[in-house]
């Protein structure tokens, strides 16, 4: 892979988990971004502790040689009026544009159980045909709003939501327009769900516009299924880790992305308990693994 085509970022969720404030709640923003830079990354996604004023955030990042590459957007196209979702999206879009990002990662949260104390596998939601129509049409329209700023809208498939499995990703991609909605490819969520992550990469590689590199501890996932744990309980139990520390061989992933002609960000994203997995230590581990396996 060419390091001219690929830029490396890391998500702040390894330092402070926005959905589980007890995980890293005491770690300040400044420590998080300083350690990202120290570990050798040049980009970051956005966490709840990040300054909301673009000028303040840009100054803090510039001092560390960092830039924002993306941030999560919760859409509710299956459960709320489109106009309400679009209003929130435009505010999110404009903030991201002001801090240098050109990618927006959306995930439909209508009926989502990812933040609820429910079994992540047994209670996973499924959309009706009408909800699928609303979701696809709404995402196409949001993609048009993103293009107004020269930005790309990507979809983040996620455990505990209506777009989790390979077949659901297929339906979403087939129901939306390339260039208006493309794919945020997340290795960890696919493997956690029991899907063939390389098959999804081969099928939709040309529509991948953003990548999350997340590893999985299969023994924890097996316990999540057996004990019917929620998604957040799985996170606290250590289901995810950084590349090179779990079960996924990322070399075929790197080769598949290269074959697809991917250019853009690779984002290390591994939500863990920082009291158990020191964020700087694991950031350095991920950075070394990518250097050793991809030459970047």
Protein backbone atom coordinates (compact mmCIF):
# COMPACT_ATOMS: atom_id res chain seq x y z
CA UNK A 1 0.00 0.00 0.00
CA UNK A 2 1.12 3.55 -0.63
CA UNK A 3 1.25 5.90 2.32
CA UNK A 4 0.43 8.66 -0.16
CA UNK A 5 -3.02 7.13 -0.69
CA UNK A 6 -3.65 6.04 2.89
CA UNK A 7 -3.76 8.25 5.98
CA UNK A 8 -3.87 6.79 9.47
CA UNK A 9 -6.19 7.93 12.24
CA UNK A 10 -7.35 6.61 15.56
CA UNK A 11 -10.68 7.08 17.32
CA UNK A 12 -10.87 8.60 20.82
CA UNK A 13 -13.15 5.79 22.00
CA UNK A 14 -10.12 3.88 23.29
CA UNK A 15 -9.50 6.71 25.73
CA UNK A 16 -13.04 7.77 26.62
CA UNK A 17 -16.21 5.91 25.65
CA UNK A 18 -19.07 8.29 24.88
CA UNK A 19 -21.67 5.57 25.46
CA UNK A 20 -20.05 4.31 28.67
CA UNK A 21 -18.75 7.36 30.57
CA UNK A 22 -17.37 5.10 33.29
CA UNK A 23 -14.78 3.93 30.76
CA UNK A 24 -12.17 6.68 30.68
CA UNK A 25 -14.41 9.45 31.93
CA UNK A 26 -11.51 10.93 33.84
CA UNK A 27 -9.17 11.14 30.82
CA UNK A 28 -9.02 14.73 29.48
CA UNK A 29 -9.26 15.65 25.81
CA UNK A 30 -5.71 17.02 25.81
CA UNK A 31 -4.23 13.72 26.97
CA UNK A 32 -6.20 11.83 24.35
CA UNK A 33 -5.04 13.86 21.33
CA UNK A 34 -1.48 14.19 22.63
CA UNK A 35 -1.16 10.42 22.91
CA UNK A 36 -2.67 9.93 19.46
CA UNK A 37 0.07 12.10 18.00
CA UNK A 38 2.75 10.46 20.16
CA UNK A 39 1.69 7.05 18.84
CA UNK A 40 2.23 8.19 15.25
CA UNK A 41 -1.27 8.92 13.98
CA UNK A 42 -2.23 12.00 11.97
CA UNK A 43 -6.00 11.91 12.24
CA UNK A 44 -8.79 11.54 14.76
CA UNK A 45 -12.52 11.10 14.85
CA UNK A 46 -14.56 13.24 17.24
CA UNK A 47 -15.44 12.39 20.83
CA UNK A 48 -17.86 14.09 23.22
CA UNK A 49 -15.01 15.76 25.12
CA UNK A 50 -13.71 17.51 22.01
CA UNK A 51 -14.22 21.29 21.90
CA UNK A 52 -17.44 22.26 20.11
CA UNK A 53 -15.92 25.50 18.78
CA UNK A 54 -14.13 24.68 15.49
CA UNK A 55 -11.47 27.36 16.08
CA UNK A 56 -10.61 25.96 19.50
CA UNK A 57 -10.54 22.38 18.24
CA UNK A 58 -8.49 23.23 15.15
CA UNK A 59 -5.88 25.04 17.27
CA UNK A 60 -5.53 22.09 19.66
CA UNK A 61 -5.19 19.64 16.79
CA UNK A 62 -2.76 21.78 14.78
CA UNK A 63 -0.36 21.92 17.73
CA UNK A 64 -0.19 18.13 17.58
CA UNK A 65 -0.18 17.66 13.81
CA UNK A 66 -3.64 16.12 13.81
CA UNK A 67 -6.78 16.63 11.77
CA UNK A 68 -10.37 15.39 12.07
CA UNK A 69 -11.29 12.74 9.52
CA UNK A 70 -14.91 11.87 10.37
CA UNK A 71 -17.50 11.76 13.13
CA UNK A 72 -20.48 9.56 13.91
CA UNK A 73 -23.95 10.82 12.98
CA UNK A 74 -27.04 9.14 14.43
CA UNK A 75 -29.84 9.13 11.88
CA UNK A 76 -33.44 8.30 12.76
CA UNK A 77 -34.88 8.04 9.28
CA UNK A 78 -37.03 5.02 10.15
CA UNK A 79 -38.63 6.67 13.20
CA UNK A 80 -38.59 10.46 12.75
CA UNK A 81 -39.64 12.90 10.01
CA UNK A 82 -36.92 13.40 7.39
CA UNK A 83 -36.88 17.16 7.90
CA UNK A 84 -35.97 16.75 11.57
CA UNK A 85 -33.07 14.42 10.73
CA UNK A 86 -31.84 16.71 7.97
CA UNK A 87 -31.73 19.70 10.32
CA UNK A 88 -29.47 17.79 12.72
CA UNK A 89 -27.40 16.46 9.83
CA UNK A 90 -26.68 19.91 8.37
CA UNK A 91 -25.47 21.15 11.76
CA UNK A 92 -23.22 18.10 12.05
CA UNK A 93 -22.01 18.47 8.44
CA UNK A 94 -21.09 22.11 8.87
CA UNK A 95 -19.14 21.45 12.06
CA UNK A 96 -17.19 18.63 10.44
CA UNK A 97 -16.43 20.72 7.37
CA UNK A 98 -15.12 23.53 9.59
CA UNK A 99 -12.67 21.16 11.31
CA UNK A 100 -11.33 19.70 8.08
CA UNK A 101 -13.24 16.44 7.71
CA UNK A 102 -14.60 15.43 4.32
CA UNK A 103 -16.32 12.20 5.38
CA UNK A 104 -19.46 11.77 7.47
CA UNK A 105 -20.25 8.40 9.03
CA UNK A 106 -23.96 7.79 9.58
CA UNK A 107 -25.64 4.92 11.41
CA UNK A 108 -29.39 4.47 11.61
CA UNK A 109 -30.49 4.49 15.25
CA UNK A 110 -34.19 3.96 14.67
CA UNK A 111 -35.03 0.79 16.71
CA UNK A 112 -31.35 0.38 17.66
CA UNK A 113 -30.56 -1.63 20.80
CA UNK A 114 -26.83 -0.92 20.82
CA UNK A 115 -27.16 1.28 23.90
CA UNK A 116 -29.81 -0.80 25.68
CA UNK A 117 -29.49 -3.61 28.19
CA UNK A 118 -30.80 -6.21 25.76
CA UNK A 119 -29.13 -9.29 24.20
CA UNK A 120 -27.31 -7.90 21.18
CA UNK A 121 -27.90 -11.01 19.08
CA UNK A 122 -31.36 -12.15 20.21
CA UNK A 123 -33.01 -8.72 20.16
CA UNK A 124 -31.40 -7.25 17.05
CA UNK A 125 -33.96 -5.09 15.16
CA UNK A 126 -35.07 -5.68 11.58
CA UNK A 127 -36.65 -3.06 9.32
CA UNK A 128 -39.93 -3.44 7.49
CA UNK A 129 -40.04 -2.91 3.73
CA UNK A 130 -41.49 0.55 4.31
CA UNK A 131 -38.72 1.42 6.75
CA UNK A 132 -36.11 0.28 4.25
CA UNK A 133 -37.64 2.61 1.65
CA UNK A 134 -37.56 5.54 4.06
CA UNK A 135 -34.01 4.75 5.12
CA UNK A 136 -32.61 4.46 1.60
CA UNK A 137 -34.45 7.51 0.27
CA UNK A 138 -33.48 9.56 3.29
CA UNK A 139 -29.81 8.61 3.09
CA UNK A 140 -29.71 9.51 -0.60
CA UNK A 141 -31.12 12.95 0.29
CA UNK A 142 -28.61 13.40 3.12
CA UNK A 143 -25.88 12.41 0.67
CA UNK A 144 -26.96 15.29 -1.54
CA UNK A 145 -26.65 17.65 1.43
CA UNK A 146 -23.14 16.29 2.07
CA UNK A 147 -22.13 16.86 -1.55
CA UNK A 148 -23.08 20.53 -1.23
CA UNK A 149 -19.96 20.86 0.93
CA UNK A 150 -17.81 18.51 -1.15
CA UNK A 151 -18.21 15.79 1.47
CA UNK A 152 -18.90 12.05 1.30
CA UNK A 153 -21.66 10.36 3.28
CA UNK A 154 -20.77 6.83 4.39
CA UNK A 155 -22.83 4.26 6.25
CA UNK A 156 -21.47 2.61 9.39
CA UNK A 157 -22.98 -0.89 9.76
CA UNK A 158 -23.14 -1.65 13.49
CA UNK A 159 -24.01 -4.35 16.00
CA UNK A 160 -27.47 -4.02 17.52
CA UNK A 161 -28.93 -2.06 14.60
CA UNK A 162 -31.02 -2.74 11.52
CA UNK A 163 -27.96 -2.68 9.27
CA UNK A 164 -25.58 -5.19 10.82
CA UNK A 165 -25.38 -8.28 8.61
CA UNK A 166 -23.92 -8.78 5.14
CA UNK A 167 -27.40 -9.20 3.64
CA UNK A 168 -28.53 -5.94 5.25
CA UNK A 169 -25.47 -4.15 3.90
CA UNK A 170 -26.34 -5.57 0.48
CA UNK A 171 -29.90 -4.25 0.70
CA UNK A 172 -28.68 -0.81 1.79
CA UNK A 173 -26.08 -0.52 -0.95
CA UNK A 174 -28.48 -1.80 -3.60
CA UNK A 175 -31.18 0.64 -2.44
CA UNK A 176 -28.98 3.74 -2.45
CA UNK A 177 -26.99 5.62 -5.06
CA UNK A 178 -23.22 5.31 -5.24
CA UNK A 179 -21.68 8.69 -4.65
CA UNK A 180 -24.59 9.80 -2.50
CA UNK A 181 -24.17 7.00 0.02
CA UNK A 182 -21.13 4.78 0.27
CA UNK A 183 -19.81 2.38 2.85
CA UNK A 184 -17.87 2.77 6.06
CA UNK A 185 -16.25 -0.66 6.28
CA UNK A 186 -15.75 -1.90 9.85
CA UNK A 187 -13.91 -5.20 10.23
CA UNK A 188 -14.77 -5.66 13.89
CA UNK A 189 -18.53 -5.28 13.57
CA UNK A 190 -18.67 -7.73 10.67
CA UNK A 191 -16.62 -10.40 12.45
CA UNK A 192 -18.54 -9.87 15.71
CA UNK A 193 -21.78 -10.39 13.78
CA UNK A 194 -20.47 -13.65 12.32
CA UNK A 195 -20.15 -12.32 8.77
CA UNK A 196 -17.37 -12.91 6.22
CA UNK A 197 -15.67 -9.53 6.33
CA UNK A 198 -13.53 -10.31 3.29
CA UNK A 199 -16.57 -11.23 1.19
CA UNK A 200 -18.19 -7.88 2.04
CA UNK A 201 -14.93 -6.14 1.11
CA UNK A 202 -14.74 -7.98 -2.22
CA UNK A 203 -18.36 -7.22 -3.08
CA UNK A 204 -18.52 -3.56 -2.07
CA UNK A 205 -14.88 -2.48 -2.25
CA UNK A 206 -15.54 0.14 -4.90
CA UNK A 207 -18.05 1.87 -2.61
CA UNK A 208 -15.90 1.88 0.52
CA UNK A 209 -15.02 5.48 1.40
CA UNK A 210 -13.92 5.09 5.02
CA UNK A 211 -12.39 2.22 7.01
CA UNK A 212 -12.46 1.25 10.68
CA UNK A 213 -9.75 -1.22 11.63
CA UNK A 214 -11.10 -3.07 14.67
CA UNK A 215 -10.02 -6.47 15.97
CA UNK A 216 -12.13 -9.00 17.90
CA UNK A 217 -11.53 -11.38 20.79
CA UNK A 218 -13.60 -14.45 19.74
CA UNK A 219 -13.71 -15.96 23.22
CA UNK A 220 -15.52 -12.85 24.46
CA UNK A 221 -17.96 -12.89 21.53
CA UNK A 222 -18.73 -16.55 22.31
CA UNK A 223 -19.55 -15.58 25.89
CA UNK A 224 -21.73 -12.71 24.68
CA UNK A 225 -23.81 -15.20 22.69
CA UNK A 226 -23.94 -17.81 25.44
CA UNK A 227 -24.82 -15.40 28.25
CA UNK A 228 -27.05 -13.21 26.05
CA UNK A 229 -25.13 -10.03 26.84
CA UNK A 230 -25.86 -6.56 25.50
CA UNK A 231 -23.56 -4.71 23.14
CA UNK A 232 -22.26 -2.40 25.86
CA UNK A 233 -21.67 -5.37 28.18
CA UNK A 234 -19.69 -6.95 25.35
CA UNK A 235 -17.56 -3.82 25.07
CA UNK A 236 -16.89 -3.78 28.80
CA UNK A 237 -15.99 -7.46 28.63
CA UNK A 238 -13.33 -6.77 26.00
CA UNK A 239 -14.96 -7.98 22.78
CA UNK A 240 -12.96 -5.46 20.73
CA UNK A 241 -9.28 -4.65 20.57
CA UNK A 242 -6.79 -3.03 18.21
CA UNK A 243 -5.43 -4.68 15.05
CA UNK A 244 -2.83 -7.27 15.87
CA UNK A 245 -4.24 -8.10 19.30
CA UNK A 246 -7.26 -10.20 18.35
CA UNK A 247 -8.24 -12.91 15.88
CA UNK A 248 -8.40 -11.01 12.58
CA UNK A 249 -5.60 -11.32 10.03
CA UNK A 250 -5.58 -7.85 8.50
CA UNK A 251 -3.16 -8.63 5.66
CA UNK A 252 -6.00 -9.84 3.36
CA UNK A 253 -7.98 -6.75 4.39
CA UNK A 254 -5.11 -4.46 3.40
CA UNK A 255 -4.67 -6.32 0.10
CA UNK A 256 -8.41 -6.20 -0.62
CA UNK A 257 -8.54 -2.47 -0.04
CA UNK A 258 -5.56 -1.99 -2.33
CA UNK A 259 -7.22 -4.12 -5.02
CA UNK A 260 -10.37 -1.98 -4.74
CA UNK A 261 -8.27 1.15 -5.29
CA UNK A 262 -9.14 2.54 -1.87
CA UNK A 263 -7.76 5.95 -0.99
CA UNK A 264 -8.48 7.70 2.28
CA UNK A 265 -8.40 7.09 5.99
CA UNK A 266 -7.76 3.91 7.91
CA UNK A 267 -9.05 4.51 11.43
CA UNK A 268 -8.03 2.32 14.34
CA UNK A 269 -11.20 2.07 16.41
CA UNK A 270 -11.29 -0.25 19.39
CA UNK A 271 -13.50 0.59 22.33
CA UNK A 272 -11.96 -0.91 25.46
CA UNK A 273 -11.74 -0.15 29.15
CA UNK A 274 -8.68 2.12 29.42
CA UNK A 275 -8.13 0.89 32.98
CA UNK A 276 -7.48 -2.57 31.50
CA UNK A 277 -6.03 -1.59 28.10
CA UNK A 278 -3.79 1.47 28.40
CA UNK A 279 -4.80 3.66 25.43
CA UNK A 280 -1.28 4.80 24.51
CA UNK A 281 0.10 1.28 24.78
CA UNK A 282 -2.60 -0.10 22.50
CA UNK A 283 -2.32 2.81 20.07
CA UNK A 284 1.41 2.08 19.74
CA UNK A 285 0.67 -1.63 19.30
CA UNK A 286 -1.79 -0.88 16.48
CA UNK A 287 0.58 1.56 14.81
CA UNK A 288 3.42 -0.98 14.83
CA UNK A 289 1.16 -3.71 13.45
CA UNK A 290 0.03 -1.54 10.53
CA UNK A 291 3.64 -0.57 9.80
CA UNK A 292 4.77 -4.21 9.90
CA UNK A 293 1.88 -5.65 7.88
CA UNK A 294 1.05 -2.84 5.42
CA UNK A 295 4.30 -0.91 5.25
CA UNK A 296 2.59 2.34 6.20
